[in-house]
PDB file of N, CA and C in Angstrom:
ATOM      1  N   UNK A   1     172.121 252.568 171.563  1.00  0.00           N
ATOM      2  CA  UNK A   1     171.390 253.536 170.750  1.00  0.00           C
ATOM      3  C   UNK A   1     171.882 254.924 171.103  1.00  0.00           C
ATOM      4  N   UNK A   2     172.124 255.709 170.107  1.00  0.00           N
ATOM      5  CA  UNK A   2     172.636 257.053 170.308  1.00  0.00           C
ATOM      6  C   UNK A   2     171.510 257.953 170.837  1.00  0.00           C
ATOM      7  N   UNK A   3     171.700 258.536 172.032  1.00  0.00           N
ATOM      8  CA  UNK A   3     170.683 259.377 172.650  1.00  0.00           C
ATOM      9  C   UNK A   3     170.583 260.753 172.001  1.00  0.00           C
ATOM     10  N   UNK A   4     171.617 261.198 171.297  1.00  0.00           N
ATOM     11  CA  UNK A   4     171.640 262.521 170.685  1.00  0.00           C
ATOM     12  C   UNK A   4     171.029 262.525 169.290  1.00  0.00           C
ATOM     13  N   UNK A   5     170.458 261.432 168.858  1.00  0.00           N
ATOM     14  CA  UNK A   5     169.869 261.345 167.521  1.00  0.00           C
ATOM     15  C   UNK A   5     168.671 262.297 167.434  1.00  0.00           C
ATOM     16  N   UNK A   6     168.523 262.943 166.289  1.00  0.00           N
ATOM     17  CA  UNK A   6     167.390 263.850 166.108  1.00  0.00           C
ATOM     18  C   UNK A   6     166.122 263.044 165.833  1.00  0.00           C
ATOM     19  N   UNK A   7     164.998 263.690 166.035  1.00  0.00           N
ATOM     20  CA  UNK A   7     163.718 263.050 165.748  1.00  0.00           C
ATOM     21  C   UNK A   7     163.661 262.622 164.291  1.00  0.00           C
ATOM     22  N   UNK A   8     164.085 263.520 163.405  1.00  0.00           N
ATOM     23  CA  UNK A   8     164.020 263.239 161.972  1.00  0.00           C
ATOM     24  C   UNK A   8     164.911 262.059 161.581  1.00  0.00           C
ATOM     25  N   UNK A   9     166.100 261.991 162.161  1.00  0.00           N
ATOM     26  CA  UNK A   9     167.008 260.876 161.862  1.00  0.00           C
ATOM     27  C   UNK A   9     166.444 259.565 162.399  1.00  0.00           C
ATOM     28  N   UNK A  10     165.868 259.603 163.595  1.00  0.00           N
ATOM     29  CA  UNK A  10     165.275 258.398 164.182  1.00  0.00           C
ATOM     30  C   UNK A  10     164.099 257.909 163.340  1.00  0.00           C
ATOM     31  N   UNK A  11     163.266 258.847 162.875  1.00  0.00           N
ATOM     32  CA  UNK A  11     162.125 258.461 162.037  1.00  0.00           C
ATOM     33  C   UNK A  11     162.580 257.868 160.712  1.00  0.00           C
ATOM     34  N   UNK A  12     163.588 258.462 160.104  1.00  0.00           N
ATOM     35  CA  UNK A  12     164.094 257.952 158.829  1.00  0.00           C
ATOM     36  C   UNK A  12     164.633 256.535 158.992  1.00  0.00           C
ATOM     37  N   UNK A  13     165.376 256.314 160.065  1.00  0.00           N
ATOM     38  CA  UNK A  13     165.936 254.985 160.313  1.00  0.00           C
ATOM     39  C   UNK A  13     164.820 253.985 160.611  1.00  0.00           C
ATOM     40  N   UNK A  14     163.825 254.413 161.358  1.00  0.00           N
ATOM     41  CA  UNK A  14     162.687 253.549 161.668  1.00  0.00           C
ATOM     42  C   UNK A  14     161.912 253.187 160.402  1.00  0.00           C
ATOM     43  N   UNK A  15     161.701 254.154 159.526  1.00  0.00           N
ATOM     44  CA  UNK A  15     161.007 253.888 158.260  1.00  0.00           C
ATOM     45  C   UNK A  15     161.779 252.893 157.401  1.00  0.00           C
ATOM     46  N   UNK A  16     163.102 252.999 157.393  1.00  0.00           N
ATOM     47  CA  UNK A  16     163.932 252.063 156.626  1.00  0.00           C
ATOM     48  C   UNK A  16     163.810 250.644 157.188  1.00  0.00           C
ATOM     49  N   UNK A  17     163.792 250.530 158.506  1.00  0.00           N
ATOM     50  CA  UNK A  17     163.638 249.220 159.138  1.00  0.00           C
ATOM     51  C   UNK A  17     162.287 248.620 158.768  1.00  0.00           C
ATOM     52  N   UNK A  18     161.244 249.428 158.807  1.00  0.00           N
ATOM     53  CA  UNK A  18     159.899 248.950 158.459  1.00  0.00           C
ATOM     54  C   UNK A  18     159.871 248.457 157.016  1.00  0.00           C
ATOM     55  N   UNK A  19     160.490 249.209 156.099  1.00  0.00           N
ATOM     56  CA  UNK A  19     160.533 248.785 154.687  1.00  0.00           C
ATOM     57  C   UNK A  19     161.219 247.419 154.554  1.00  0.00           C
ATOM     58  N   UNK A  20     162.346 247.252 155.241  1.00  0.00           N
ATOM     59  CA  UNK A  20     163.081 245.986 155.167  1.00  0.00           C
ATOM     60  C   UNK A  20     162.249 244.834 155.723  1.00  0.00           C
ATOM     61  N   UNK A  21     161.570 245.074 156.847  1.00  0.00           N
ATOM     62  CA  UNK A  21     160.757 244.016 157.449  1.00  0.00           C
ATOM     63  C   UNK A  21     159.547 243.682 156.579  1.00  0.00           C
ATOM     64  N   UNK A  22     158.922 244.689 155.996  1.00  0.00           N
ATOM     65  CA  UNK A  22     157.767 244.452 155.122  1.00  0.00           C
ATOM     66  C   UNK A  22     158.173 243.709 153.856  1.00  0.00           C
ATOM     67  N   UNK A  23     159.389 243.946 153.405  1.00  0.00           N
ATOM     68  CA  UNK A  23     159.926 243.297 152.213  1.00  0.00           C
ATOM     69  C   UNK A  23     159.950 241.778 152.396  1.00  0.00           C
ATOM     70  N   UNK A  24     160.284 241.335 153.602  1.00  0.00           N
ATOM     71  CA  UNK A  24     160.307 239.907 153.893  1.00  0.00           C
ATOM     72  C   UNK A  24     161.523 239.170 153.370  1.00  0.00           C
ATOM     73  N   UNK A  25     162.481 239.860 152.828  1.00  0.00           N
ATOM     74  CA  UNK A  25     163.662 239.225 152.246  1.00  0.00           C
ATOM     75  C   UNK A  25     164.865 239.262 153.188  1.00  0.00           C
ATOM     76  N   UNK A  26     164.651 239.499 154.451  1.00  0.00           N
ATOM     77  CA  UNK A  26     165.719 239.598 155.431  1.00  0.00           C
ATOM     78  C   UNK A  26     165.690 238.346 156.315  1.00  0.00           C
ATOM     79  N   UNK A  27     166.840 237.754 156.584  1.00  0.00           N
ATOM     80  CA  UNK A  27     166.894 236.543 157.410  1.00  0.00           C
ATOM     81  C   UNK A  27     166.273 236.778 158.795  1.00  0.00           C
ATOM     82  N   UNK A  28     165.741 235.729 159.387  1.00  0.00           N
ATOM     83  CA  UNK A  28     165.029 235.825 160.662  1.00  0.00           C
ATOM     84  C   UNK A  28     165.864 236.498 161.748  1.00  0.00           C
ATOM     85  N   UNK A  29     167.119 236.099 161.898  1.00  0.00           N
ATOM     86  CA  UNK A  29     167.967 236.677 162.942  1.00  0.00           C
ATOM     87  C   UNK A  29     168.133 238.187 162.733  1.00  0.00           C
ATOM     88  N   UNK A  30     168.335 238.598 161.495  1.00  0.00           N
ATOM     89  CA  UNK A  30     168.459 240.023 161.183  1.00  0.00           C
ATOM     90  C   UNK A  30     167.136 240.750 161.406  1.00  0.00           C
ATOM     91  N   UNK A  31     166.030 240.071 161.096  1.00  0.00           N
ATOM     92  CA  UNK A  31     164.710 240.669 161.291  1.00  0.00           C
ATOM     93  C   UNK A  31     164.451 240.933 162.775  1.00  0.00           C
ATOM     94  N   UNK A  32     164.846 240.002 163.629  1.00  0.00           N
ATOM     95  CA  UNK A  32     164.661 240.177 165.077  1.00  0.00           C
ATOM     96  C   UNK A  32     165.494 241.353 165.571  1.00  0.00           C
ATOM     97  N   UNK A  33     166.741 241.450 165.129  1.00  0.00           N
ATOM     98  CA  UNK A  33     167.610 242.568 165.518  1.00  0.00           C
ATOM     99  C   UNK A  33     167.034 243.891 165.021  1.00  0.00           C
ATOM    100  N   UNK A  34     166.540 243.898 163.784  1.00  0.00           N
ATOM    101  CA  UNK A  34     165.959 245.111 163.215  1.00  0.00           C
ATOM    102  C   UNK A  34     164.710 245.518 163.991  1.00  0.00           C
ATOM    103  N   UNK A  35     163.911 244.549 164.383  1.00  0.00           N
ATOM    104  CA  UNK A  35     162.701 244.834 165.166  1.00  0.00           C
ATOM    105  C   UNK A  35     163.079 245.457 166.506  1.00  0.00           C
ATOM    106  N   UNK A  36     164.086 244.890 167.177  1.00  0.00           N
ATOM    107  CA  UNK A  36     164.525 245.428 168.471  1.00  0.00           C
ATOM    108  C   UNK A  36     165.012 246.870 168.322  1.00  0.00           C
ATOM    109  N   UNK A  37     165.791 247.125 167.286  1.00  0.00           N
ATOM    110  CA  UNK A  37     166.285 248.476 167.052  1.00  0.00           C
ATOM    111  C   UNK A  37     165.125 249.410 166.728  1.00  0.00           C
ATOM    112  N   UNK A  38     164.169 248.928 165.965  1.00  0.00           N
ATOM    113  CA  UNK A  38     162.981 249.718 165.636  1.00  0.00           C
ATOM    114  C   UNK A  38     162.195 250.113 166.878  1.00  0.00           C
ATOM    115  N   UNK A  39     162.090 249.207 167.825  1.00  0.00           N
ATOM    116  CA  UNK A  39     161.377 249.518 169.072  1.00  0.00           C
ATOM    117  C   UNK A  39     162.118 250.598 169.862  1.00  0.00           C
ATOM    118  N   UNK A  40     163.441 250.552 169.858  1.00  0.00           N
ATOM    119  CA  UNK A  40     164.227 251.598 170.532  1.00  0.00           C
ATOM    120  C   UNK A  40     164.015 252.943 169.845  1.00  0.00           C
ATOM    121  N   UNK A  41     164.026 252.942 168.524  1.00  0.00           N
ATOM    122  CA  UNK A  41     163.815 254.177 167.773  1.00  0.00           C
ATOM    123  C   UNK A  41     162.410 254.730 168.003  1.00  0.00           C
ATOM    124  N   UNK A  42     161.438 253.851 168.073  1.00  0.00           N
ATOM    125  CA  UNK A  42     160.051 254.260 168.337  1.00  0.00           C
ATOM    126  C   UNK A  42     159.964 254.965 169.683  1.00  0.00           C
ATOM    127  N   UNK A  43     160.620 254.412 170.677  1.00  0.00           N
ATOM    128  CA  UNK A  43     160.601 255.011 172.014  1.00  0.00           C
ATOM    129  C   UNK A  43     161.262 256.393 171.992  1.00  0.00           C
ATOM    130  N   UNK A  44     162.372 256.523 171.296  1.00  0.00           N
ATOM    131  CA  UNK A  44     163.057 257.812 171.180  1.00  0.00           C
ATOM    132  C   UNK A  44     162.134 258.840 170.517  1.00  0.00           C
ATOM    133  N   UNK A  45     161.481 258.443 169.431  1.00  0.00           N
ATOM    134  CA  UNK A  45     160.574 259.350 168.724  1.00  0.00           C
ATOM    135  C   UNK A  45     159.415 259.779 169.619  1.00  0.00           C
ATOM    136  N   UNK A  46     158.818 258.837 170.327  1.00  0.00           N
ATOM    137  CA  UNK A  46     157.711 259.168 171.216  1.00  0.00           C
ATOM    138  C   UNK A  46     158.148 260.134 172.309  1.00  0.00           C
ATOM    139  N   UNK A  47     159.316 259.901 172.886  1.00  0.00           N
ATOM    140  CA  UNK A  47     159.831 260.776 173.938  1.00  0.00           C
ATOM    141  C   UNK A  47     160.059 262.183 173.400  1.00  0.00           C
ATOM    142  N   UNK A  48     160.681 262.284 172.230  1.00  0.00           N
ATOM    143  CA  UNK A  48     160.953 263.597 171.642  1.00  0.00           C
ATOM    144  C   UNK A  48     159.651 264.327 171.302  1.00  0.00           C
ATOM    145  N   UNK A  49     158.649 263.609 170.800  1.00  0.00           N
ATOM    146  CA  UNK A  49     157.363 264.240 170.497  1.00  0.00           C
ATOM    147  C   UNK A  49     156.668 264.722 171.763  1.00  0.00           C
ATOM    148  N   UNK A  50     156.678 263.903 172.801  1.00  0.00           N
ATOM    149  CA  UNK A  50     156.054 264.295 174.060  1.00  0.00           C
ATOM    150  C   UNK A  50     156.749 265.508 174.663  1.00  0.00           C
ATOM    151  N   UNK A  51     158.067 265.510 174.637  1.00  0.00           N
ATOM    152  CA  UNK A  51     158.822 266.657 175.161  1.00  0.00           C
ATOM    153  C   UNK A  51     158.493 267.926 174.379  1.00  0.00           C
ATOM    154  N   UNK A  52     158.424 267.813 173.064  1.00  0.00           N
ATOM    155  CA  UNK A  52     158.119 268.974 172.227  1.00  0.00           C
ATOM    156  C   UNK A  52     156.721 269.494 172.523  1.00  0.00           C
ATOM    157  N   UNK A  53     155.779 268.601 172.667  1.00  0.00           N
ATOM    158  CA  UNK A  53     154.402 269.007 172.947  1.00  0.00           C
ATOM    159  C   UNK A  53     154.329 269.736 174.283  1.00  0.00           C
ATOM    160  N   UNK A  54     155.002 269.225 175.283  1.00  0.00           N
ATOM    161  CA  UNK A  54     154.982 269.854 176.599  1.00  0.00           C
ATOM    162  C   UNK A  54     155.653 271.220 176.578  1.00  0.00           C
ATOM    163  N   UNK A  55     156.679 271.378 175.756  1.00  0.00           N
ATOM    164  CA  UNK A  55     157.363 272.666 175.663  1.00  0.00           C
ATOM    165  C   UNK A  55     156.500 273.719 174.973  1.00  0.00           C
ATOM    166  N   UNK A  56     155.674 273.291 174.055  1.00  0.00           N
ATOM    167  CA  UNK A  56     154.873 274.223 173.271  1.00  0.00           C
ATOM    168  C   UNK A  56     153.814 274.909 174.132  1.00  0.00           C
ATOM    169  N   UNK A  57     153.074 274.139 174.854  1.00  0.00           N
ATOM    170  CA  UNK A  57     152.028 274.764 175.644  1.00  0.00           C
ATOM    171  C   UNK A  57     151.601 273.922 176.831  1.00  0.00           C
ATOM    172  N   UNK A  58     151.147 274.608 177.840  1.00  0.00           N
ATOM    173  CA  UNK A  58     150.634 273.969 179.039  1.00  0.00           C
ATOM    174  C   UNK A  58     149.293 274.621 179.349  1.00  0.00           C
ATOM    175  N   UNK A  59     148.321 273.813 179.610  1.00  0.00           N
ATOM    176  CA  UNK A  59     147.005 274.323 179.935  1.00  0.00           C
ATOM    177  C   UNK A  59     146.954 274.627 181.415  1.00  0.00           C
ATOM    178  N   UNK A  60     146.586 275.851 181.756  1.00  0.00           N
ATOM    179  CA  UNK A  60     146.448 276.249 183.147  1.00  0.00           C
ATOM    180  C   UNK A  60     144.980 276.115 183.513  1.00  0.00           C
ATOM    181  N   UNK A  61     144.733 275.318 184.527  1.00  0.00           N
ATOM    182  CA  UNK A  61     143.350 275.095 184.947  1.00  0.00           C
ATOM    183  C   UNK A  61     143.142 275.699 186.331  1.00  0.00           C
ATOM    184  N   UNK A  62     142.106 276.522 186.454  1.00  0.00           N
ATOM    185  CA  UNK A  62     141.740 277.110 187.737  1.00  0.00           C
ATOM    186  C   UNK A  62     140.277 276.806 187.983  1.00  0.00           C
ATOM    187  N   UNK A  63     139.971 276.366 189.195  1.00  0.00           N
ATOM    188  CA  UNK A  63     138.601 276.033 189.578  1.00  0.00           C
ATOM    189  C   UNK A  63     137.971 275.026 188.615  1.00  0.00           C
ATOM    190  N   UNK A  64     138.797 274.100 188.117  1.00  0.00           N
ATOM    191  CA  UNK A  64     138.293 273.036 187.256  1.00  0.00           C
ATOM    192  C   UNK A  64     137.996 273.444 185.829  1.00  0.00           C
ATOM    193  N   UNK A  65     138.323 274.698 185.463  1.00  0.00           N
ATOM    194  CA  UNK A  65     138.041 275.162 184.104  1.00  0.00           C
ATOM    195  C   UNK A  65     139.330 275.627 183.443  1.00  0.00           C
ATOM    196  N   UNK A  66     139.505 275.297 182.141  1.00  0.00           N
ATOM    197  CA  UNK A  66     140.681 275.786 181.412  1.00  0.00           C
ATOM    198  C   UNK A  66     140.688 277.315 181.396  1.00  0.00           C
ATOM    199  N   UNK A  67     141.813 277.890 181.744  1.00  0.00           N
ATOM    200  CA  UNK A  67     141.892 279.348 181.776  1.00  0.00           C
ATOM    201  C   UNK A  67     142.733 279.915 180.643  1.00  0.00           C
ATOM    202  N   UNK A  68     143.924 279.376 180.437  1.00  0.00           N
ATOM    203  CA  UNK A  68     144.796 279.904 179.395  1.00  0.00           C
ATOM    204  C   UNK A  68     145.866 278.889 179.040  1.00  0.00           C
ATOM    205  N   UNK A  69     146.546 279.146 177.970  1.00  0.00           N
ATOM    206  CA  UNK A  69     147.685 278.339 177.552  1.00  0.00           C
ATOM    207  C   UNK A  69     148.939 279.157 177.768  1.00  0.00           C
ATOM    208  N   UNK A  70     149.991 278.508 178.253  1.00  0.00           N
ATOM    209  CA  UNK A  70     151.253 279.208 178.424  1.00  0.00           C
ATOM    210  C   UNK A  70     152.398 278.283 178.078  1.00  0.00           C
ATOM    211  N   UNK A  71     153.540 278.861 177.831  1.00  0.00           N
ATOM    212  CA  UNK A  71     154.730 278.085 177.507  1.00  0.00           C
ATOM    213  C   UNK A  71     155.073 277.181 178.678  1.00  0.00           C
ATOM    214  N   UNK A  72     155.462 275.966 178.369  1.00  0.00           N
ATOM    215  CA  UNK A  72     155.809 274.989 179.384  1.00  0.00           C
ATOM    216  C   UNK A  72     157.262 274.593 179.207  1.00  0.00           C
ATOM    217  N   UNK A  73     158.047 274.739 180.244  1.00  0.00           N
ATOM    218  CA  UNK A  73     159.465 274.406 180.204  1.00  0.00           C
ATOM    219  C   UNK A  73     159.671 273.078 180.931  1.00  0.00           C
ATOM    220  N   UNK A  74     160.012 272.029 180.183  1.00  0.00           N
ATOM    221  CA  UNK A  74     160.192 270.701 180.757  1.00  0.00           C
ATOM    222  C   UNK A  74     161.285 270.703 181.810  1.00  0.00           C
ATOM    223  N   UNK A  75     162.346 271.443 181.594  1.00  0.00           N
ATOM    224  CA  UNK A  75     163.482 271.464 182.521  1.00  0.00           C
ATOM    225  C   UNK A  75     163.088 272.000 183.894  1.00  0.00           C
ATOM    226  N   UNK A  76     162.108 272.886 183.952  1.00  0.00           N
ATOM    227  CA  UNK A  76     161.695 273.481 185.216  1.00  0.00           C
ATOM    228  C   UNK A  76     160.382 272.920 185.722  1.00  0.00           C
ATOM    229  N   UNK A  77     159.934 271.834 185.158  1.00  0.00           N
ATOM    230  CA  UNK A  77     158.658 271.231 185.526  1.00  0.00           C
ATOM    231  C   UNK A  77     158.795 270.438 186.816  1.00  0.00           C
ATOM    232  N   UNK A  78     157.775 270.511 187.639  1.00  0.00           N
ATOM    233  CA  UNK A  78     157.738 269.711 188.870  1.00  0.00           C
ATOM    234  C   UNK A  78     156.931 268.450 188.658  1.00  0.00           C
ATOM    235  N   UNK A  79     156.306 268.305 187.495  1.00  0.00           N
ATOM    236  CA  UNK A  79     155.449 267.148 187.223  1.00  0.00           C
ATOM    237  C   UNK A  79     156.249 265.976 186.796  1.00  0.00           C
TER     238      UNK A  79
END
């Protein structure tokens, strides 16, 4: 699986796989391969969404209470 694929390209490919599987006109062996590829694409999409969410904002909590939101840089994260 290509790691440099964009979120949008991965989603489009995943949607196409879902359409083919829902159609039911694909041979079993091809359906299994398509399902496996779909699971890889799903994981890529989830990772990209999580990374984007973390980059957008990070909640700073002090004394157990939310204090402010700030930009979160995944590359410099210790978490």
